[in-house]
Protein backbone atom coordinates (compact mmCIF):
# COMPACT_ATOMS: atom_id res chain seq x y z
CA MET A 1 4.18 0.40 -20.31
CA ARG A 2 4.93 3.82 -21.70
CA ARG A 3 8.17 5.43 -20.62
CA LEU A 4 7.72 8.81 -18.99
CA SER A 5 9.82 11.83 -19.80
CA ASP A 6 12.06 13.20 -17.05
CA ASP A 7 9.56 16.01 -16.41
CA GLU A 8 6.64 13.56 -16.20
CA ARG A 9 8.56 11.31 -13.78
CA THR A 10 9.44 14.25 -11.55
CA GLU A 11 5.83 15.47 -11.54
CA PHE A 12 4.49 12.02 -10.71
CA ARG A 13 6.95 11.53 -7.86
CA LYS A 14 6.34 14.98 -6.37
CA LYS A 15 2.60 15.33 -6.97
CA HIS A 16 0.79 12.02 -7.50
CA LEU A 17 2.68 9.40 -5.52
CA PRO A 18 2.64 11.33 -2.20
CA TYR A 19 -1.16 11.50 -1.99
CA VAL A 20 -1.45 7.72 -2.50
CA ILE A 21 1.00 7.25 0.37
CA TYR A 22 -1.07 9.66 2.50
CA VAL A 23 -4.27 7.75 1.70
CA MET A 24 -2.58 4.53 2.84
CA ARG A 25 -1.52 6.21 6.10
CA GLY A 26 -4.98 7.72 6.63
CA HIS A 27 -6.74 4.99 8.63
CA LYS A 28 -3.96 4.67 11.18
CA ARG A 29 -3.74 8.43 11.56
CA LEU A 30 -7.51 8.73 11.96
CA CYS A 31 -7.56 6.08 14.69
CA ASN A 32 -4.69 7.77 16.49
CA CYS A 33 -6.17 11.27 16.26
CA LYS A 34 -6.66 12.45 19.86
CA ARG A 35 -9.71 14.59 19.15
CA MET A 36 -11.55 11.53 17.80
CA GLN A 37 -10.82 9.27 20.75
CA ASP A 38 -12.86 8.49 23.78
CA ASP A 39 -11.39 8.63 27.29
CA LYS A 40 -9.96 5.12 26.84
CA GLY A 41 -8.14 5.98 23.59
CA GLY A 42 -10.64 4.24 21.29
CA TYR A 43 -12.05 5.81 18.14
CA ASN A 44 -15.18 7.76 19.05
CA ASP A 45 -16.70 9.23 15.90
CA ASP A 46 -18.80 8.10 12.93
CA PRO A 47 -17.99 4.42 12.23
CA CYS A 48 -18.79 4.92 8.53
CA ILE A 49 -15.92 7.41 8.29
CA LEU A 50 -13.63 4.90 9.94
CA GLU A 51 -14.68 2.09 7.58
CA ALA A 52 -14.34 4.31 4.51
CA SER A 53 -10.88 5.31 5.64
CA PHE A 54 -9.94 1.66 6.17
CA VAL A 55 -11.10 0.60 2.68
CA GLY A 56 -9.28 3.58 1.14
CA SER A 57 -6.10 2.63 2.99
CA LEU A 58 -6.40 -0.97 1.79
CA ALA A 59 -6.84 0.12 -1.82
CA ALA A 60 -3.88 2.51 -1.62
CA GLY A 61 -1.67 -0.13 0.01
CA ARG A 62 -2.55 -2.63 -2.71
CA MET A 63 -1.87 -0.02 -5.38
CA LEU A 64 1.55 0.73 -3.87
CA LEU A 65 2.48 -2.96 -3.61
CA HIS A 66 1.58 -3.42 -7.29
CA PHE A 67 3.64 -0.29 -8.04
CA LEU A 68 6.56 -2.05 -6.30
CA GLY A 69 5.94 -5.17 -8.41
CA VAL A 70 4.42 -7.25 -5.61
CA ASP A 71 1.29 -9.35 -6.10
CA VAL A 72 -0.10 -12.56 -4.64
CA ASP A 73 -0.32 -15.99 -6.21
CA GLY A 74 -3.44 -16.92 -4.30
CA GLY A 75 -3.29 -20.63 -5.05
CA GLN A 76 0.24 -20.88 -3.69
CA ASP A 77 0.06 -18.31 -0.86
CA ARG A 78 3.25 -16.81 -2.21
CA LEU A 79 4.19 -13.41 -3.52
CA LYS A 80 4.76 -13.09 -7.24
CA ARG A 81 5.72 -10.33 -9.67
CA HIS A 82 2.78 -8.11 -10.51
CA VAL A 83 1.85 -8.11 -14.20
CA TRP A 84 1.22 -4.67 -15.68
CA ARG A 85 -1.37 -5.05 -18.41
CA PHE A 86 -1.94 -1.58 -19.79
CA GLU A 87 0.23 0.95 -21.56
CA ASP A 88 -0.46 3.63 -18.96
CA ASP A 89 0.43 1.42 -15.95
CA LEU A 90 3.40 2.65 -13.94
CA ASN A 91 5.84 1.00 -11.58
CA MET A 92 8.70 2.08 -9.36
CA GLU A 93 11.33 0.91 -11.84
CA GLY A 94 9.83 3.03 -14.60
CA LEU A 95 10.15 6.07 -12.37
CA GLY A 96 13.82 5.51 -11.62
CA GLY A 97 13.62 3.30 -8.53
CA SER A 98 13.74 -0.47 -8.19
CA LEU A 99 11.17 -3.21 -7.75
CA ALA A 100 10.85 -5.08 -4.45
CA ASP A 101 12.97 -8.21 -3.98
CA LEU A 102 10.40 -11.02 -4.15
CA ASP A 103 12.91 -13.76 -3.25
CA ARG A 104 13.70 -12.00 0.01
CA LEU A 105 10.05 -11.23 0.81
CA ASN A 106 9.00 -14.86 0.18
CA ALA A 107 11.94 -16.19 2.20
CA GLU A 108 10.87 -14.25 5.33
CA GLU A 109 7.86 -16.28 6.51
CA SER A 110 6.27 -13.55 8.64
CA THR A 111 6.72 -10.96 5.89
CA ARG A 112 5.31 -13.28 3.24
CA ALA A 113 2.31 -14.22 5.37
CA LEU A 114 1.55 -10.60 6.28
CA LEU A 115 1.73 -9.33 2.69
CA VAL A 116 -0.17 -12.30 1.21
CA GLY A 117 -2.96 -11.83 3.77
CA PHE A 118 -3.00 -8.09 3.19
CA LEU A 119 -3.17 -8.42 -0.61
CA LYS A 120 -6.02 -10.94 -0.42
CA MET A 121 -8.02 -8.69 1.90
CA ALA A 122 -7.22 -5.52 -0.07
CA SER A 123 -8.13 -7.16 -3.37
CA LYS A 124 -11.54 -8.14 -2.04
CA ALA A 125 -12.12 -4.70 -0.54
CA ALA A 126 -11.17 -2.97 -3.79
CA ALA A 127 -12.99 -5.33 -6.14
CA HIS A 128 -16.35 -6.46 -4.80
CA MET A 129 -18.69 -6.63 -1.84
CA THR A 130 -18.06 -9.49 0.57
CA ILE A 131 -19.54 -10.74 3.80
CA PRO A 132 -18.27 -8.52 6.62
CA VAL A 133 -15.47 -10.10 8.61
CA SER A 134 -13.50 -8.99 11.61
CA ARG A 135 -10.49 -7.14 10.26
CA PRO A 136 -7.15 -7.27 12.05
CA TRP A 137 -6.49 -3.53 11.93
CA ARG A 138 -3.23 -3.75 13.85
CA ASP A 139 -1.92 -6.38 11.38
CA THR A 140 -3.04 -4.13 8.55
CA TRP A 141 -1.16 -1.22 10.09
CA GLU A 142 1.91 -3.47 10.26
CA ALA A 143 1.46 -4.17 6.52
CA PHE A 144 1.18 -0.41 5.85
CA ASP A 145 4.44 0.15 7.73
CA MET A 146 6.08 -2.64 5.73
CA ILE A 147 4.84 -1.17 2.44
CA GLU A 148 6.25 2.21 3.40
CA ALA A 149 9.59 0.59 4.33
CA LEU A 150 9.66 -1.15 0.92
CA LEU A 151 8.91 2.15 -0.81
CA ARG A 152 11.79 3.80 1.02
CA GLU A 153 14.10 0.90 0.17
CA CYS A 154 13.20 1.00 -3.54
CA TRP A 155 13.00 4.80 -3.77
CA TRP A 156 15.08 6.52 -6.41
CA LYS A 157 18.29 8.14 -5.28
CA ASP A 158 18.23 11.30 -7.41
CA GLY A 159 17.34 13.82 -4.75
CA VAL A 160 13.52 13.73 -4.83
CA ALA A 161 12.63 13.43 -1.16
CA PHE A 162 10.34 10.72 0.16
CA PRO A 163 7.00 12.21 1.27
CA PRO A 164 7.04 13.24 4.95
């Protein structure tokens, strides 16, 4: 991986990383938007928009987990360190933060299971067409919240604020 200059790191953290975080948050925000709900609080607009938002949120969540150094060893149902393969790949450590603690994440059974399941689903959604399955949106939202908590935990401490 190429090392970024201080100016490039600052630009990436202020400009590029926030929109990926916002894309991840998008599905949950769309579902909770009052003007798009029916009288029972359910989403009441174009289902294609909702599905597109969901797939975008999955892809962004997967991207952020990889950025934090988290990937899945599918054969073992465990989390492993993500392998960056290209010179232009970036990770949190390269931008002045830290990578997620895989030992801790694997030790917490519910955390491990949630992130392994999320990464498997997000990888399929981002990579190829699959047979439609019922998606546990609430579990996915829990994974999004966990990813955001990991980002905050690993965030650099040099004064660049975490995106609101």
